């Protein structure tokens, strides 16, 4: 996924990058933990909120990833993912935009993000997992964590564009009951209804 995110970035992320600051209302409900861990083949891997300080490790992940994996994420054959895109992927206000990373052995091995579309309950999302960690549940863990955080912020549907041959991502999309697909020129336009968070736990902006 990610072609729509690139178009959005080209329109809005020309240097200097626009940084949006959001105030989240204080609530007695506890947001999801900032770090969740699991073990894969005796290696601990955990997901956490991304930060601008992750830029170097994110670039290193791209350098270890195949050209096909990068192409599936951006729909563009980047020989090297540009710095402005790395910055965009780490720019989150934790309300309208969120970014997560998966970390194993102190290396970032996966990244997921969403960006709210307008003022409604839809957000575009995108995920990438480096080749050696694919098909090990990393993408699913990132997506489930992203869904949980998005639901608490009033987002009801994830959207995205998936290349027709990107079967792993189409498989992840299918885990959402009611996922809708539309195809155009070999690209699936996917809408994934999120499982609803309890209304009382939804976090909003401060007035």
N, C-alpha and C. Protein backbone atom coordinates (compact mmCIF):
# COMPACT_ATOMS: atom_id res chain seq x y z
N UNK A 1 0.83 -1.19 0.00
CA UNK A 1 0.00 0.00 0.00
C UNK A 1 0.88 1.25 0.00
N UNK A 2 0.29 2.40 -0.44
CA UNK A 2 1.06 3.60 -0.26
C UNK A 2 1.05 4.58 -1.41
N UNK A 3 0.47 4.24 -2.59
CA UNK A 3 0.51 5.16 -3.71
C UNK A 3 -0.22 6.45 -3.38
N UNK A 4 -1.39 6.33 -2.71
CA UNK A 4 -2.12 7.53 -2.33
C UNK A 4 -1.34 8.38 -1.36
N UNK A 5 -0.59 7.73 -0.46
CA UNK A 5 0.21 8.48 0.50
C UNK A 5 1.29 9.27 -0.21
N UNK A 6 1.84 8.74 -1.30
CA UNK A 6 2.86 9.47 -2.06
C UNK A 6 2.26 10.71 -2.70
N UNK A 7 1.08 10.55 -3.30
CA UNK A 7 0.45 11.72 -3.92
C UNK A 7 0.18 12.80 -2.88
N UNK A 8 -0.33 12.36 -1.72
CA UNK A 8 -0.59 13.32 -0.63
C UNK A 8 0.70 14.00 -0.20
N UNK A 9 1.78 13.24 -0.13
CA UNK A 9 3.05 13.80 0.33
C UNK A 9 3.60 14.80 -0.66
N UNK A 10 3.50 14.50 -1.93
CA UNK A 10 4.01 15.42 -2.95
C UNK A 10 3.30 16.76 -2.90
N UNK A 11 2.01 16.71 -2.51
CA UNK A 11 1.24 17.94 -2.44
C UNK A 11 1.52 18.74 -1.18
N UNK A 12 1.80 18.03 -0.07
CA UNK A 12 1.84 18.71 1.21
C UNK A 12 3.17 18.67 1.93
N UNK A 13 4.10 17.83 1.49
CA UNK A 13 5.32 17.63 2.26
C UNK A 13 6.54 18.30 1.65
N UNK A 14 6.35 19.27 0.76
CA UNK A 14 7.50 19.99 0.24
C UNK A 14 8.22 20.68 1.36
N UNK A 15 9.57 20.60 1.39
CA UNK A 15 10.33 21.17 2.52
C UNK A 15 9.98 22.64 2.74
N UNK A 16 9.86 23.13 3.99
CA UNK A 16 9.96 22.28 5.18
C UNK A 16 8.69 21.48 5.39
N UNK A 17 8.80 20.27 5.93
CA UNK A 17 7.64 19.43 6.15
C UNK A 17 6.69 20.10 7.13
N UNK A 18 5.41 20.01 6.81
CA UNK A 18 4.41 20.56 7.72
C UNK A 18 4.25 19.61 8.90
N UNK A 19 4.35 20.14 10.08
CA UNK A 19 4.18 19.36 11.29
C UNK A 19 2.89 19.79 11.97
N UNK A 20 2.01 18.86 12.20
CA UNK A 20 0.74 19.15 12.83
C UNK A 20 0.79 18.67 14.26
N UNK A 21 0.52 19.55 15.20
CA UNK A 21 0.52 19.19 16.60
C UNK A 21 -0.91 19.02 17.06
N UNK A 22 -1.18 17.96 17.76
CA UNK A 22 -2.53 17.69 18.23
C UNK A 22 -2.52 17.55 19.74
N UNK A 23 -3.57 18.04 20.36
CA UNK A 23 -3.77 17.84 21.79
C UNK A 23 -4.80 16.74 21.96
N UNK A 24 -4.44 15.71 22.71
CA UNK A 24 -5.36 14.62 22.98
C UNK A 24 -6.00 14.86 24.34
N UNK A 25 -7.30 14.69 24.40
CA UNK A 25 -7.97 14.92 25.68
C UNK A 25 -7.48 13.95 26.71
N UNK A 26 -7.33 14.44 27.94
CA UNK A 26 -6.97 13.57 29.03
C UNK A 26 -8.19 12.73 29.40
N UNK A 27 -7.97 11.49 29.63
CA UNK A 27 -9.07 10.58 29.92
C UNK A 27 -8.61 9.58 30.96
N UNK A 28 -9.57 9.08 31.75
CA UNK A 28 -9.21 8.07 32.72
C UNK A 28 -9.04 6.71 32.07
N UNK A 29 -9.40 6.60 30.77
CA UNK A 29 -9.15 5.38 30.05
C UNK A 29 -7.69 5.35 29.59
N UNK A 30 -7.06 4.21 29.71
CA UNK A 30 -5.66 4.10 29.37
C UNK A 30 -5.49 3.74 27.89
N UNK A 31 -4.73 4.55 27.10
CA UNK A 31 -4.48 4.21 25.71
C UNK A 31 -3.69 2.92 25.62
N UNK A 32 -3.60 2.32 24.43
CA UNK A 32 -2.83 1.09 24.27
C UNK A 32 -1.39 1.30 24.72
N UNK A 33 -0.73 0.26 25.23
CA UNK A 33 0.66 0.39 25.65
C UNK A 33 1.53 0.88 24.50
N UNK A 34 2.58 1.62 24.81
CA UNK A 34 3.44 2.14 23.77
C UNK A 34 4.37 1.07 23.21
N UNK A 35 4.40 -0.11 23.83
CA UNK A 35 5.28 -1.17 23.36
C UNK A 35 4.64 -2.53 23.64
N UNK A 36 4.56 -3.38 22.62
CA UNK A 36 4.02 -4.72 22.76
C UNK A 36 5.05 -5.70 22.19
N UNK A 37 5.34 -6.76 22.95
CA UNK A 37 6.39 -7.70 22.56
C UNK A 37 5.84 -9.09 22.28
N UNK A 38 6.52 -9.82 21.41
CA UNK A 38 6.24 -11.22 21.15
C UNK A 38 7.55 -11.88 20.75
N UNK A 39 7.57 -13.19 20.69
CA UNK A 39 8.79 -13.92 20.35
C UNK A 39 8.57 -14.72 19.07
N UNK A 40 9.52 -14.59 18.13
CA UNK A 40 9.48 -15.33 16.86
C UNK A 40 10.80 -16.04 16.70
N UNK A 41 10.76 -17.38 16.64
CA UNK A 41 11.99 -18.17 16.48
C UNK A 41 13.07 -17.75 17.48
N UNK A 42 12.67 -17.65 18.74
CA UNK A 42 13.57 -17.31 19.84
C UNK A 42 14.09 -15.87 19.79
N UNK A 43 13.56 -15.07 18.90
CA UNK A 43 13.95 -13.66 18.82
C UNK A 43 12.79 -12.80 19.25
N UNK A 44 13.02 -11.91 20.22
CA UNK A 44 11.95 -11.03 20.67
C UNK A 44 11.77 -9.90 19.66
N UNK A 45 10.53 -9.69 19.31
CA UNK A 45 10.19 -8.59 18.42
C UNK A 45 9.07 -7.80 19.08
N UNK A 46 9.15 -6.49 19.02
CA UNK A 46 8.11 -5.68 19.65
C UNK A 46 7.71 -4.54 18.73
N UNK A 47 6.48 -4.08 18.92
CA UNK A 47 5.98 -2.92 18.19
C UNK A 47 5.89 -1.75 19.14
N UNK A 48 6.16 -0.57 18.62
CA UNK A 48 6.08 0.65 19.43
C UNK A 48 5.79 1.83 18.52
N UNK A 49 5.47 2.96 19.13
CA UNK A 49 5.25 4.18 18.37
C UNK A 49 6.57 4.65 17.76
N UNK A 50 6.52 5.05 16.50
CA UNK A 50 7.71 5.56 15.84
C UNK A 50 8.00 6.98 16.28
N UNK A 51 9.25 7.41 16.09
CA UNK A 51 9.64 8.77 16.42
C UNK A 51 10.64 9.26 15.38
N UNK A 52 10.83 10.59 15.26
CA UNK A 52 11.80 11.11 14.29
C UNK A 52 13.21 10.55 14.46
N UNK A 53 13.55 10.12 15.68
CA UNK A 53 14.88 9.57 15.91
C UNK A 53 15.08 8.20 15.26
N UNK A 54 13.99 7.62 14.69
CA UNK A 54 14.08 6.32 14.03
C UNK A 54 14.52 6.43 12.58
N UNK A 55 14.81 7.63 12.09
CA UNK A 55 15.08 7.82 10.67
C UNK A 55 16.22 6.95 10.16
N UNK A 56 17.33 6.92 10.88
CA UNK A 56 18.49 6.14 10.42
C UNK A 56 18.17 4.65 10.36
N UNK A 57 17.48 4.14 11.38
CA UNK A 57 17.13 2.71 11.39
C UNK A 57 16.11 2.38 10.32
N UNK A 58 15.22 3.32 10.01
CA UNK A 58 14.24 3.09 8.96
C UNK A 58 14.94 3.04 7.59
N UNK A 59 15.89 3.94 7.38
CA UNK A 59 16.65 3.91 6.12
C UNK A 59 17.43 2.60 6.01
N UNK A 60 17.96 2.11 7.12
CA UNK A 60 18.69 0.85 7.11
C UNK A 60 17.77 -0.31 6.74
N UNK A 61 16.52 -0.26 7.20
CA UNK A 61 15.57 -1.30 6.83
C UNK A 61 15.32 -1.30 5.34
N UNK A 62 15.16 -0.11 4.76
CA UNK A 62 14.96 -0.02 3.31
C UNK A 62 16.17 -0.58 2.56
N UNK A 63 17.36 -0.32 3.07
CA UNK A 63 18.58 -0.80 2.41
C UNK A 63 18.65 -2.33 2.43
N UNK A 64 18.08 -2.96 3.46
CA UNK A 64 18.07 -4.43 3.54
C UNK A 64 16.93 -5.04 2.74
N UNK A 65 15.95 -4.23 2.38
CA UNK A 65 14.76 -4.74 1.69
C UNK A 65 15.00 -4.86 0.19
N UNK A 66 14.31 -5.80 -0.43
CA UNK A 66 14.43 -5.99 -1.88
C UNK A 66 13.73 -4.86 -2.62
N UNK A 67 14.10 -4.70 -3.89
CA UNK A 67 13.44 -3.68 -4.71
C UNK A 67 11.96 -3.98 -4.86
N UNK A 68 11.59 -5.26 -4.86
CA UNK A 68 10.18 -5.63 -4.98
C UNK A 68 9.40 -5.21 -3.75
N UNK A 69 9.98 -5.41 -2.56
CA UNK A 69 9.30 -5.02 -1.33
C UNK A 69 9.10 -3.51 -1.29
N UNK A 70 10.12 -2.76 -1.66
CA UNK A 70 10.01 -1.30 -1.70
C UNK A 70 8.96 -0.87 -2.72
N UNK A 71 8.94 -1.54 -3.88
CA UNK A 71 7.98 -1.19 -4.92
C UNK A 71 6.55 -1.47 -4.46
N UNK A 72 6.35 -2.57 -3.76
CA UNK A 72 5.01 -2.89 -3.27
C UNK A 72 4.52 -1.84 -2.29
N UNK A 73 5.42 -1.27 -1.52
CA UNK A 73 5.03 -0.27 -0.53
C UNK A 73 4.72 1.07 -1.16
N UNK A 74 5.58 1.52 -2.08
CA UNK A 74 5.45 2.89 -2.60
C UNK A 74 4.86 2.96 -4.01
N UNK A 75 4.75 1.81 -4.70
CA UNK A 75 4.30 1.78 -6.08
C UNK A 75 5.21 2.61 -6.98
N UNK A 76 6.42 2.80 -6.54
CA UNK A 76 7.44 3.56 -7.26
C UNK A 76 8.78 2.84 -7.07
N UNK A 77 9.55 2.63 -8.12
CA UNK A 77 10.81 1.89 -8.00
C UNK A 77 11.95 2.76 -7.45
N UNK A 78 11.83 3.17 -6.21
CA UNK A 78 12.88 3.99 -5.61
C UNK A 78 14.18 3.19 -5.55
N UNK A 79 15.27 3.68 -6.16
CA UNK A 79 16.57 3.03 -5.94
C UNK A 79 17.04 3.26 -4.50
N UNK A 80 16.59 4.37 -3.94
CA UNK A 80 16.83 4.70 -2.53
C UNK A 80 15.67 5.56 -2.07
N UNK A 81 15.02 5.15 -0.99
CA UNK A 81 13.87 5.91 -0.50
C UNK A 81 14.34 7.29 -0.07
N UNK A 82 13.77 8.36 -0.63
CA UNK A 82 14.26 9.71 -0.34
C UNK A 82 14.03 10.13 1.10
N UNK A 83 14.86 11.06 1.55
CA UNK A 83 14.79 11.52 2.92
C UNK A 83 13.46 12.14 3.28
N UNK A 84 12.84 12.87 2.34
CA UNK A 84 11.56 13.51 2.65
C UNK A 84 10.49 12.46 2.92
N UNK A 85 10.58 11.31 2.24
CA UNK A 85 9.60 10.26 2.48
C UNK A 85 9.81 9.62 3.85
N UNK A 86 11.07 9.40 4.23
CA UNK A 86 11.37 8.86 5.55
C UNK A 86 10.83 9.80 6.63
N UNK A 87 11.04 11.11 6.44
CA UNK A 87 10.53 12.08 7.40
C UNK A 87 9.01 12.04 7.48
N UNK A 88 8.36 11.91 6.33
CA UNK A 88 6.90 11.84 6.29
C UNK A 88 6.40 10.62 7.05
N UNK A 89 7.10 9.51 6.91
CA UNK A 89 6.68 8.26 7.55
C UNK A 89 6.82 8.30 9.07
N UNK A 90 7.60 9.25 9.57
CA UNK A 90 7.81 9.36 11.01
C UNK A 90 7.10 10.58 11.61
N UNK A 91 6.38 11.32 10.76
CA UNK A 91 5.66 12.52 11.20
C UNK A 91 4.26 12.12 11.66
N UNK A 92 4.04 12.07 12.96
CA UNK A 92 2.74 11.65 13.49
C UNK A 92 2.32 12.59 14.60
N UNK A 93 1.02 12.87 14.64
CA UNK A 93 0.49 13.68 15.74
C UNK A 93 -0.29 12.81 16.74
N UNK A 94 -0.33 11.50 16.47
CA UNK A 94 -0.96 10.51 17.36
C UNK A 94 -2.47 10.69 17.46
N UNK A 95 -3.03 11.36 16.46
CA UNK A 95 -4.49 11.49 16.38
C UNK A 95 -4.92 11.33 14.93
N UNK A 96 -4.64 12.32 14.10
CA UNK A 96 -4.95 12.22 12.68
C UNK A 96 -3.90 11.41 11.92
N UNK A 97 -2.73 11.31 12.46
CA UNK A 97 -1.66 10.51 11.85
C UNK A 97 -0.96 9.71 12.94
N UNK A 98 -0.68 8.45 12.64
CA UNK A 98 0.05 7.60 13.57
C UNK A 98 1.06 6.76 12.80
N UNK A 99 2.17 6.46 13.44
CA UNK A 99 3.21 5.63 12.83
C UNK A 99 3.75 4.67 13.88
N UNK A 100 3.89 3.41 13.49
CA UNK A 100 4.42 2.37 14.37
C UNK A 100 5.60 1.68 13.70
N UNK A 101 6.49 1.13 14.50
CA UNK A 101 7.59 0.33 13.97
C UNK A 101 7.63 -1.01 14.70
N UNK A 102 8.12 -2.03 14.01
CA UNK A 102 8.41 -3.32 14.62
C UNK A 102 9.93 -3.42 14.74
N UNK A 103 10.40 -3.82 15.91
CA UNK A 103 11.84 -3.83 16.21
C UNK A 103 12.26 -5.23 16.64
N UNK A 104 13.35 -5.72 16.06
CA UNK A 104 13.94 -7.00 16.45
C UNK A 104 15.45 -6.84 16.48
N UNK A 105 16.06 -7.25 17.56
CA UNK A 105 17.52 -7.15 17.73
C UNK A 105 18.00 -5.73 17.47
N UNK A 106 17.20 -4.77 17.98
CA UNK A 106 17.52 -3.33 17.89
C UNK A 106 17.47 -2.79 16.46
N UNK A 107 16.91 -3.56 15.53
CA UNK A 107 16.74 -3.10 14.16
C UNK A 107 15.26 -2.94 13.85
N UNK A 108 14.91 -1.90 13.13
CA UNK A 108 13.54 -1.76 12.66
C UNK A 108 13.34 -2.72 11.50
N UNK A 109 12.33 -3.58 11.62
CA UNK A 109 12.07 -4.58 10.58
C UNK A 109 10.70 -4.39 9.94
N UNK A 110 9.93 -3.44 10.43
CA UNK A 110 8.62 -3.18 9.84
C UNK A 110 8.12 -1.80 10.24
N UNK A 111 7.21 -1.26 9.44
CA UNK A 111 6.65 0.07 9.68
C UNK A 111 5.21 0.08 9.22
N UNK A 112 4.36 0.75 9.97
CA UNK A 112 2.95 0.92 9.60
C UNK A 112 2.52 2.32 9.96
N UNK A 113 1.60 2.87 9.17
CA UNK A 113 1.14 4.22 9.43
C UNK A 113 -0.29 4.39 8.91
N UNK A 114 -0.98 5.39 9.47
CA UNK A 114 -2.24 5.82 8.89
C UNK A 114 -2.26 7.34 8.87
N UNK A 115 -3.07 7.89 7.96
CA UNK A 115 -3.29 9.33 7.88
C UNK A 115 -4.77 9.55 7.61
N UNK A 116 -5.42 10.30 8.49
CA UNK A 116 -6.86 10.54 8.34
C UNK A 116 -7.12 11.31 7.04
N UNK A 117 -8.22 10.94 6.38
CA UNK A 117 -8.61 11.59 5.14
C UNK A 117 -9.74 12.58 5.45
N UNK A 118 -9.44 13.86 5.42
CA UNK A 118 -10.46 14.86 5.69
C UNK A 118 -10.96 14.80 7.12
N UNK A 119 -12.24 15.14 7.30
CA UNK A 119 -12.81 15.22 8.64
C UNK A 119 -13.70 14.02 8.97
N UNK A 120 -13.75 13.05 8.07
CA UNK A 120 -14.63 11.91 8.34
C UNK A 120 -13.86 10.80 9.05
N UNK A 121 -14.44 9.61 9.06
CA UNK A 121 -13.85 8.52 9.82
C UNK A 121 -12.98 7.59 9.02
N UNK A 122 -12.44 8.05 7.89
CA UNK A 122 -11.58 7.21 7.07
C UNK A 122 -10.13 7.65 7.17
N UNK A 123 -9.23 6.68 7.06
CA UNK A 123 -7.80 6.97 7.08
C UNK A 123 -7.09 6.04 6.10
N UNK A 124 -6.14 6.57 5.37
CA UNK A 124 -5.32 5.73 4.49
C UNK A 124 -4.22 5.11 5.34
N UNK A 125 -3.96 3.82 5.11
CA UNK A 125 -2.92 3.15 5.86
C UNK A 125 -1.94 2.47 4.91
N UNK A 126 -0.75 2.19 5.42
CA UNK A 126 0.28 1.52 4.63
C UNK A 126 1.20 0.75 5.57
N UNK A 127 1.72 -0.38 5.09
CA UNK A 127 2.60 -1.24 5.88
C UNK A 127 3.74 -1.72 5.00
N UNK A 128 4.92 -1.86 5.60
CA UNK A 128 6.05 -2.52 4.95
C UNK A 128 6.78 -3.36 5.99
N UNK A 129 7.18 -4.56 5.60
CA UNK A 129 7.99 -5.45 6.43
C UNK A 129 9.16 -5.92 5.59
N UNK A 130 10.37 -5.83 6.13
CA UNK A 130 11.53 -6.24 5.33
C UNK A 130 11.47 -7.74 5.04
N UNK A 131 12.13 -8.14 3.96
CA UNK A 131 11.97 -9.48 3.41
C UNK A 131 12.18 -10.60 4.42
N UNK A 132 13.22 -10.54 5.21
CA UNK A 132 13.56 -11.66 6.10
C UNK A 132 12.56 -11.84 7.24
N UNK A 133 11.66 -10.86 7.44
CA UNK A 133 10.67 -10.95 8.50
C UNK A 133 9.25 -11.09 7.96
N UNK A 134 9.11 -11.24 6.67
CA UNK A 134 7.79 -11.44 6.09
C UNK A 134 7.28 -12.84 6.38
N UNK A 135 5.96 -12.98 6.40
CA UNK A 135 5.27 -14.26 6.65
C UNK A 135 5.57 -14.81 8.04
N UNK A 136 5.85 -13.92 8.99
CA UNK A 136 6.10 -14.32 10.38
C UNK A 136 5.18 -13.61 11.36
N UNK A 137 4.14 -13.00 10.84
CA UNK A 137 3.17 -12.34 11.70
C UNK A 137 3.48 -10.91 12.04
N UNK A 138 4.59 -10.37 11.50
CA UNK A 138 4.96 -8.99 11.84
C UNK A 138 3.96 -8.00 11.26
N UNK A 139 3.60 -8.19 9.98
CA UNK A 139 2.64 -7.28 9.36
C UNK A 139 1.29 -7.32 10.07
N UNK A 140 0.85 -8.51 10.45
CA UNK A 140 -0.43 -8.63 11.15
C UNK A 140 -0.38 -7.93 12.50
N UNK A 141 0.73 -8.09 13.23
CA UNK A 141 0.87 -7.43 14.53
C UNK A 141 0.81 -5.92 14.38
N UNK A 142 1.52 -5.39 13.38
CA UNK A 142 1.50 -3.94 13.15
C UNK A 142 0.10 -3.47 12.79
N UNK A 143 -0.58 -4.22 11.93
CA UNK A 143 -1.91 -3.81 11.49
C UNK A 143 -2.90 -3.83 12.64
N UNK A 144 -2.85 -4.86 13.49
CA UNK A 144 -3.78 -4.94 14.62
C UNK A 144 -3.54 -3.80 15.62
N UNK A 145 -2.26 -3.49 15.85
CA UNK A 145 -1.95 -2.38 16.76
C UNK A 145 -2.40 -1.06 16.16
N UNK A 146 -2.20 -0.89 14.86
CA UNK A 146 -2.62 0.34 14.20
C UNK A 146 -4.14 0.48 14.25
N UNK A 147 -4.84 -0.62 14.03
CA UNK A 147 -6.30 -0.60 14.10
C UNK A 147 -6.78 -0.18 15.48
N UNK A 148 -6.16 -0.73 16.51
CA UNK A 148 -6.56 -0.40 17.88
C UNK A 148 -6.40 1.09 18.15
N UNK A 149 -5.28 1.64 17.76
CA UNK A 149 -5.03 3.05 18.02
C UNK A 149 -5.94 3.94 17.17
N UNK A 150 -6.19 3.55 15.93
CA UNK A 150 -7.06 4.34 15.07
C UNK A 150 -8.49 4.34 15.59
N UNK A 151 -8.96 3.17 16.05
CA UNK A 151 -10.33 3.08 16.56
C UNK A 151 -10.56 3.97 17.76
N UNK A 152 -9.56 4.11 18.61
CA UNK A 152 -9.68 4.97 19.79
C UNK A 152 -9.73 6.45 19.41
N UNK A 153 -9.37 6.76 18.20
CA UNK A 153 -9.34 8.15 17.74
C UNK A 153 -10.44 8.44 16.72
N UNK A 154 -11.46 7.61 16.72
CA UNK A 154 -12.64 7.88 15.92
C UNK A 154 -12.57 7.45 14.48
N UNK A 155 -11.53 6.75 14.08
CA UNK A 155 -11.43 6.26 12.71
C UNK A 155 -12.21 4.95 12.60
N UNK A 156 -13.02 4.86 11.55
CA UNK A 156 -13.89 3.71 11.38
C UNK A 156 -13.48 2.81 10.22
N UNK A 157 -12.72 3.35 9.27
CA UNK A 157 -12.37 2.58 8.07
C UNK A 157 -10.95 2.90 7.65
N UNK A 158 -10.17 1.86 7.34
CA UNK A 158 -8.87 2.01 6.68
C UNK A 158 -9.08 1.86 5.18
N UNK A 159 -8.38 2.68 4.41
CA UNK A 159 -8.37 2.54 2.97
C UNK A 159 -6.93 2.38 2.50
N UNK A 160 -6.76 1.85 1.29
CA UNK A 160 -5.42 1.72 0.77
C UNK A 160 -5.45 1.24 -0.67
N UNK A 161 -4.31 1.35 -1.33
CA UNK A 161 -4.16 0.86 -2.69
C UNK A 161 -3.11 -0.25 -2.68
N UNK A 162 -3.49 -1.42 -3.19
CA UNK A 162 -2.63 -2.59 -3.14
C UNK A 162 -2.41 -3.11 -4.55
N UNK A 163 -1.16 -3.33 -4.91
CA UNK A 163 -0.86 -3.91 -6.22
C UNK A 163 -1.47 -5.30 -6.30
N UNK A 164 -1.97 -5.67 -7.47
CA UNK A 164 -2.67 -6.93 -7.64
C UNK A 164 -1.84 -8.14 -7.29
N UNK A 165 -0.50 -8.06 -7.45
CA UNK A 165 0.34 -9.22 -7.15
C UNK A 165 0.83 -9.22 -5.70
N UNK A 166 0.40 -8.24 -4.91
CA UNK A 166 0.81 -8.18 -3.51
C UNK A 166 -0.16 -9.02 -2.67
N UNK A 167 -0.07 -10.34 -2.83
CA UNK A 167 -0.99 -11.24 -2.17
C UNK A 167 -0.91 -11.19 -0.64
N UNK A 168 0.29 -11.04 -0.05
CA UNK A 168 0.33 -10.96 1.41
C UNK A 168 -0.50 -9.80 1.97
N UNK A 169 -0.42 -8.63 1.31
CA UNK A 169 -1.19 -7.48 1.81
C UNK A 169 -2.68 -7.67 1.57
N UNK A 170 -3.04 -8.27 0.45
CA UNK A 170 -4.45 -8.55 0.20
C UNK A 170 -4.97 -9.54 1.24
N UNK A 171 -4.10 -10.48 1.65
CA UNK A 171 -4.50 -11.42 2.69
C UNK A 171 -4.74 -10.73 4.02
N UNK A 172 -3.90 -9.76 4.37
CA UNK A 172 -4.11 -9.00 5.60
C UNK A 172 -5.41 -8.21 5.54
N UNK A 173 -5.67 -7.60 4.38
CA UNK A 173 -6.91 -6.83 4.24
C UNK A 173 -8.13 -7.72 4.44
N UNK A 174 -8.02 -8.97 4.00
CA UNK A 174 -9.15 -9.89 4.09
C UNK A 174 -9.47 -10.30 5.52
N UNK A 175 -8.56 -10.01 6.47
CA UNK A 175 -8.84 -10.36 7.87
C UNK A 175 -9.87 -9.41 8.49
N UNK A 176 -10.20 -8.32 7.82
CA UNK A 176 -11.22 -7.39 8.30
C UNK A 176 -12.57 -7.80 7.71
N UNK A 177 -13.52 -8.19 8.54
CA UNK A 177 -14.84 -8.55 8.02
C UNK A 177 -15.45 -7.38 7.26
N UNK A 178 -15.99 -7.65 6.08
CA UNK A 178 -16.65 -6.61 5.31
C UNK A 178 -15.72 -5.81 4.42
N UNK A 179 -14.48 -6.26 4.24
CA UNK A 179 -13.55 -5.54 3.36
C UNK A 179 -14.11 -5.47 1.94
N UNK A 180 -14.00 -4.29 1.35
CA UNK A 180 -14.49 -4.06 -0.01
C UNK A 180 -13.31 -3.84 -0.95
N UNK A 181 -13.44 -4.36 -2.17
CA UNK A 181 -12.37 -4.25 -3.16
C UNK A 181 -12.92 -3.66 -4.45
N UNK A 182 -12.13 -2.79 -5.06
CA UNK A 182 -12.42 -2.30 -6.40
C UNK A 182 -11.08 -2.30 -7.15
N UNK A 183 -11.08 -2.71 -8.38
CA UNK A 183 -9.82 -2.80 -9.13
C UNK A 183 -9.79 -1.81 -10.28
N UNK A 184 -8.58 -1.32 -10.54
CA UNK A 184 -8.37 -0.40 -11.65
C UNK A 184 -6.92 -0.52 -12.09
N UNK A 185 -6.73 -0.97 -13.32
CA UNK A 185 -5.40 -1.08 -13.91
C UNK A 185 -4.44 -1.87 -13.02
N UNK A 186 -4.91 -3.00 -12.51
CA UNK A 186 -4.04 -3.87 -11.73
C UNK A 186 -3.83 -3.45 -10.29
N UNK A 187 -4.56 -2.44 -9.83
CA UNK A 187 -4.44 -1.97 -8.45
C UNK A 187 -5.78 -2.17 -7.74
N UNK A 188 -5.72 -2.77 -6.55
CA UNK A 188 -6.92 -2.92 -5.74
C UNK A 188 -7.08 -1.70 -4.84
N UNK A 189 -8.26 -1.10 -4.88
CA UNK A 189 -8.62 -0.04 -3.96
C UNK A 189 -9.43 -0.71 -2.84
N UNK A 190 -8.87 -0.71 -1.67
CA UNK A 190 -9.40 -1.52 -0.57
C UNK A 190 -9.97 -0.63 0.52
N UNK A 191 -11.14 -1.02 1.05
CA UNK A 191 -11.75 -0.35 2.20
C UNK A 191 -11.98 -1.40 3.27
N UNK A 192 -11.39 -1.18 4.45
CA UNK A 192 -11.44 -2.15 5.53
C UNK A 192 -12.15 -1.55 6.74
N UNK A 193 -13.39 -1.96 7.02
CA UNK A 193 -14.08 -1.46 8.21
C UNK A 193 -13.37 -1.95 9.48
N UNK A 194 -13.07 -1.03 10.38
CA UNK A 194 -12.41 -1.40 11.62
C UNK A 194 -13.42 -1.98 12.60
N UNK A 195 -12.95 -2.92 13.42
CA UNK A 195 -13.79 -3.40 14.51
C UNK A 195 -13.92 -2.27 15.52
N UNK A 196 -15.12 -1.96 15.91
CA UNK A 196 -15.39 -0.75 16.68
C UNK A 196 -14.85 -0.85 18.10
N UNK A 197 -14.17 0.22 18.53
CA UNK A 197 -13.77 0.34 19.93
C UNK A 197 -14.98 0.79 20.74
N UNK A 198 -15.06 0.43 22.02
CA UNK A 198 -16.16 0.92 22.86
C UNK A 198 -16.22 2.44 22.80
N UNK A 199 -17.43 2.98 22.63
CA UNK A 199 -17.59 4.43 22.46
C UNK A 199 -16.99 5.21 23.60
N UNK A 200 -17.11 4.71 24.82
CA UNK A 200 -16.61 5.45 25.99
C UNK A 200 -15.10 5.56 25.98
N UNK A 201 -14.43 4.68 25.21
CA UNK A 201 -12.97 4.69 25.23
C UNK A 201 -12.38 5.51 24.09
N UNK A 202 -13.24 6.03 23.20
CA UNK A 202 -12.73 6.80 22.08
C UNK A 202 -12.09 8.09 22.58
N UNK A 203 -10.87 8.35 22.09
CA UNK A 203 -10.14 9.55 22.51
C UNK A 203 -10.35 10.63 21.46
N UNK A 204 -10.64 11.85 21.91
CA UNK A 204 -10.80 12.95 20.98
C UNK A 204 -9.84 14.07 21.28
N UNK A 205 -9.86 15.09 20.44
CA UNK A 205 -9.03 16.27 20.68
C UNK A 205 -9.60 17.11 21.81
N UNK A 206 -8.73 17.84 22.45
CA UNK A 206 -9.20 18.80 23.45
C UNK A 206 -9.84 19.97 22.75
N UNK A 207 -10.85 20.55 23.38
CA UNK A 207 -11.53 21.70 22.76
C UNK A 207 -10.61 22.90 22.78
